[in-house]
Amino acid sequence: MVKVGQQFPDFTLHGYCGGETRDYTISKYKGRWLVLFFYPLDFTFVCPTEVKGFNDHFDEFQKAKADILGVSVDSVHSHNAWVMHEFGGKLNYPLLSDFNKEITELLGIDTTDSGGLVALRATFIVDPKGILRYMVVSDNNVGRSVSETLRVVKALQTGGLCPVDWKPGEKLLKK
């Protein structure tokens, strides 16, 4: 299991975006911030709200020079059908398939909540050098806050000491 401050593992997963399937390799995102969010399954209840939330904030993440990758243990075919069904085919970022569950297990975010092995809700923020800077893992019944994820990206980008509930534009703490 990777820890904050360590190099994030490099891996390649097949993914779906914009009507196409292709491979996505983590190391190709070096030079930019990367937000990977893992969710249990397509065609469930909470997951569509999170995927939509990241899509709704996509432009804000792009302005912060942060790319988004969604990951679940579903197949790319499931992702395709789900994006067409839930979002009319319009999703601004890729959904990756960890169909063999290797990455979910590698990261220690696997659970059998849904009768089979799925990913817990987990968010990883990786800096432009490929270092894991933030991670949070939560129960699958509670959706994450996309606004908080964006706030954390911006806080990490300052390189400074950010007090509780810090928001962009506010003062940083001094040592």
Protein backbone atom coordinates (compact mmCIF):
# COMPACT_ATOMS: atom_id res chain seq x y z
CA MET A 1 0.00 0.00 0.00
CA VAL A 2 1.36 3.40 -0.96
CA LYS A 3 1.70 6.12 1.68
CA VAL A 4 1.52 9.89 1.43
CA GLY A 5 4.95 11.23 0.46
CA GLN A 6 5.84 8.14 -1.58
CA GLN A 7 5.99 7.69 -5.33
CA PHE A 8 2.54 6.72 -6.58
CA PRO A 9 2.60 3.38 -8.41
CA ASP A 10 2.73 3.53 -12.18
CA PHE A 11 0.16 1.37 -13.91
CA THR A 12 -1.82 1.19 -17.11
CA LEU A 13 -5.56 0.55 -17.22
CA HIS A 14 -7.98 0.39 -20.12
CA GLY A 15 -10.45 3.26 -20.02
CA TYR A 16 -13.39 4.90 -21.73
CA CYS A 17 -13.70 8.57 -22.68
CA GLY A 18 -15.48 10.43 -25.44
CA GLY A 19 -16.79 7.32 -27.15
CA GLU A 20 -13.36 5.67 -27.33
CA THR A 21 -11.56 3.02 -25.34
CA ARG A 22 -7.79 3.10 -24.91
CA ASP A 23 -5.04 2.54 -22.37
CA TYR A 24 -4.23 5.20 -19.78
CA THR A 25 -0.83 5.17 -18.03
CA ILE A 26 -0.34 7.06 -14.78
CA SER A 27 3.23 8.18 -15.55
CA LYS A 28 1.98 10.04 -18.63
CA TYR A 29 0.34 12.51 -16.25
CA LYS A 30 3.65 13.61 -14.73
CA GLY A 31 4.04 17.36 -14.96
CA ARG A 32 0.42 17.94 -13.90
CA TRP A 33 -1.57 17.31 -10.77
CA LEU A 34 -3.66 14.14 -10.92
CA VAL A 35 -6.83 13.29 -9.03
CA LEU A 36 -7.74 9.61 -9.10
CA PHE A 37 -11.04 8.73 -7.53
CA PHE A 38 -12.10 5.13 -7.06
CA TYR A 39 -15.74 4.19 -6.71
CA PRO A 40 -17.50 0.83 -6.22
CA LEU A 41 -19.59 0.21 -9.35
CA ASP A 42 -21.37 1.76 -12.30
CA PHE A 43 -25.19 1.67 -12.23
CA THR A 44 -25.45 2.18 -8.47
CA PHE A 45 -26.90 4.95 -6.33
CA VAL A 46 -24.16 7.19 -4.91
CA CYS A 47 -21.57 6.71 -7.68
CA PRO A 48 -23.43 8.71 -10.36
CA THR A 49 -23.60 11.71 -8.03
CA GLU A 50 -19.81 11.66 -7.61
CA VAL A 51 -19.01 11.13 -11.27
CA LYS A 52 -21.40 13.98 -12.12
CA GLY A 53 -19.85 16.14 -9.39
CA PHE A 54 -16.36 15.76 -10.83
CA ASN A 55 -17.77 16.43 -14.30
CA ASP A 56 -19.53 19.59 -13.09
CA HIS A 57 -16.22 20.87 -11.64
CA PHE A 58 -14.07 19.67 -14.54
CA ASP A 59 -13.19 23.18 -15.79
CA GLU A 60 -12.13 24.25 -12.29
CA PHE A 61 -9.79 21.26 -12.01
CA GLN A 62 -8.37 22.06 -15.45
CA LYS A 63 -7.74 25.68 -14.40
CA ALA A 64 -5.84 24.26 -11.41
CA LYS A 65 -3.78 22.14 -13.84
CA ALA A 66 -5.26 18.95 -12.38
CA ASP A 67 -6.45 16.00 -14.43
CA ILE A 68 -9.18 13.65 -13.25
CA LEU A 69 -9.41 9.87 -13.63
CA GLY A 70 -12.34 7.85 -12.30
CA VAL A 71 -11.69 4.16 -11.59
CA SER A 72 -13.90 1.18 -10.74
CA VAL A 73 -13.78 -2.59 -11.20
CA ASP A 74 -16.36 -2.39 -14.00
CA SER A 75 -15.43 -3.17 -17.60
CA VAL A 76 -14.94 -0.40 -20.17
CA HIS A 77 -18.13 -1.70 -21.80
CA SER A 78 -20.02 -1.05 -18.57
CA HIS A 79 -18.46 2.43 -18.39
CA ASN A 80 -19.56 3.11 -21.97
CA ALA A 81 -23.14 1.98 -21.33
CA TRP A 82 -23.27 3.87 -18.04
CA VAL A 83 -21.96 7.14 -19.48
CA MET A 84 -24.51 6.89 -22.31
CA HIS A 85 -27.32 6.11 -19.85
CA GLU A 86 -26.46 8.56 -17.06
CA PHE A 87 -24.77 11.40 -18.92
CA GLY A 88 -25.98 11.17 -22.51
CA GLY A 89 -22.43 10.25 -23.55
CA LYS A 90 -20.98 13.53 -22.25
CA LEU A 91 -18.28 13.02 -19.65
CA ASN A 92 -15.17 15.21 -19.73
CA TYR A 93 -12.69 12.77 -18.22
CA PRO A 94 -11.87 9.05 -18.53
CA LEU A 95 -13.36 6.23 -16.51
CA LEU A 96 -10.79 3.46 -16.11
CA SER A 97 -11.44 -0.24 -15.67
CA ASP A 98 -9.64 -2.15 -12.93
CA PHE A 99 -11.52 -5.24 -14.05
CA ASN A 100 -8.90 -7.64 -12.65
CA LYS A 101 -8.94 -5.69 -9.36
CA GLU A 102 -5.14 -5.61 -9.25
CA ILE A 103 -4.82 -1.87 -8.61
CA THR A 104 -7.67 -1.83 -6.10
CA GLU A 105 -5.89 -4.56 -4.14
CA LEU A 106 -2.43 -2.96 -4.60
CA LEU A 107 -3.71 0.29 -3.08
CA GLY A 108 -5.44 -1.55 -0.22
CA ILE A 109 -8.87 -0.15 -1.02
CA ASP A 110 -10.64 -3.43 -1.76
CA THR A 111 -13.81 -4.55 0.00
CA THR A 112 -16.50 -7.17 -0.50
CA ASP A 113 -19.36 -4.79 0.40
CA SER A 114 -21.38 -5.53 -2.72
CA GLY A 115 -21.11 -9.31 -2.68
CA GLY A 116 -17.94 -9.31 -4.79
CA LEU A 117 -14.67 -7.47 -4.55
CA VAL A 118 -15.08 -3.77 -5.35
CA ALA A 119 -13.18 -0.57 -4.55
CA LEU A 120 -13.95 1.53 -1.53
CA ARG A 121 -14.53 5.22 -2.18
CA ALA A 122 -10.98 6.50 -2.32
CA THR A 123 -9.41 9.71 -3.57
CA PHE A 124 -5.71 10.09 -4.37
CA ILE A 125 -4.03 13.39 -5.26
CA VAL A 126 -0.68 12.97 -7.00
CA ASP A 127 1.67 15.91 -7.57
CA PRO A 128 3.42 16.69 -10.89
CA LYS A 129 6.47 14.65 -9.78
CA GLY A 130 4.34 11.54 -9.23
CA ILE A 131 4.35 11.77 -5.42
CA LEU A 132 1.18 10.91 -3.52
CA ARG A 133 0.31 14.06 -1.58
CA TYR A 134 -3.18 13.24 -0.26
CA MET A 135 -5.48 10.28 0.09
CA VAL A 136 -8.78 9.61 1.75
CA VAL A 137 -10.75 6.37 1.90
CA SER A 138 -14.31 6.21 3.12
CA ASP A 139 -17.29 3.95 3.57
CA ASN A 140 -19.14 3.21 0.36
CA ASN A 141 -22.40 4.62 1.73
CA VAL A 142 -21.08 8.20 1.85
CA GLY A 143 -20.20 10.21 -1.23
CA ARG A 144 -17.10 12.37 -1.20
CA SER A 145 -16.99 16.15 -1.54
CA VAL A 146 -15.70 17.23 -4.95
CA SER A 147 -15.39 20.82 -3.71
CA GLU A 148 -13.16 19.64 -0.86
CA THR A 149 -11.01 17.66 -3.29
CA LEU A 150 -10.53 20.79 -5.41
CA ARG A 151 -9.76 22.85 -2.29
CA VAL A 152 -7.10 20.32 -1.24
CA VAL A 153 -5.50 20.39 -4.71
CA LYS A 154 -5.25 24.18 -4.50
CA ALA A 155 -3.96 24.04 -0.93
CA LEU A 156 -1.25 21.55 -1.87
CA GLN A 157 -0.25 23.72 -4.82
CA THR A 158 0.59 26.61 -2.49
CA GLY A 159 3.42 24.62 -0.95
CA GLY A 160 2.65 26.47 2.28
CA LEU A 161 0.97 25.85 5.61
CA CYS A 162 -2.79 26.00 5.14
CA PRO A 163 -4.91 26.36 8.30
CA VAL A 164 -8.22 24.65 8.89
CA ASP A 165 -10.86 25.46 6.26
CA TRP A 166 -8.31 27.44 4.23
CA LYS A 167 -9.64 28.75 0.93
CA PRO A 168 -7.71 30.05 -2.09
CA GLY A 169 -6.77 33.69 -1.60
CA GLU A 170 -6.59 33.43 2.18
CA LYS A 171 -3.35 33.88 4.09
CA LEU A 172 -1.05 30.97 4.76
CA LEU A 173 0.46 30.32 8.16
CA LYS A 174 4.07 31.22 8.86
CA LYS A 175 6.52 28.96 10.65
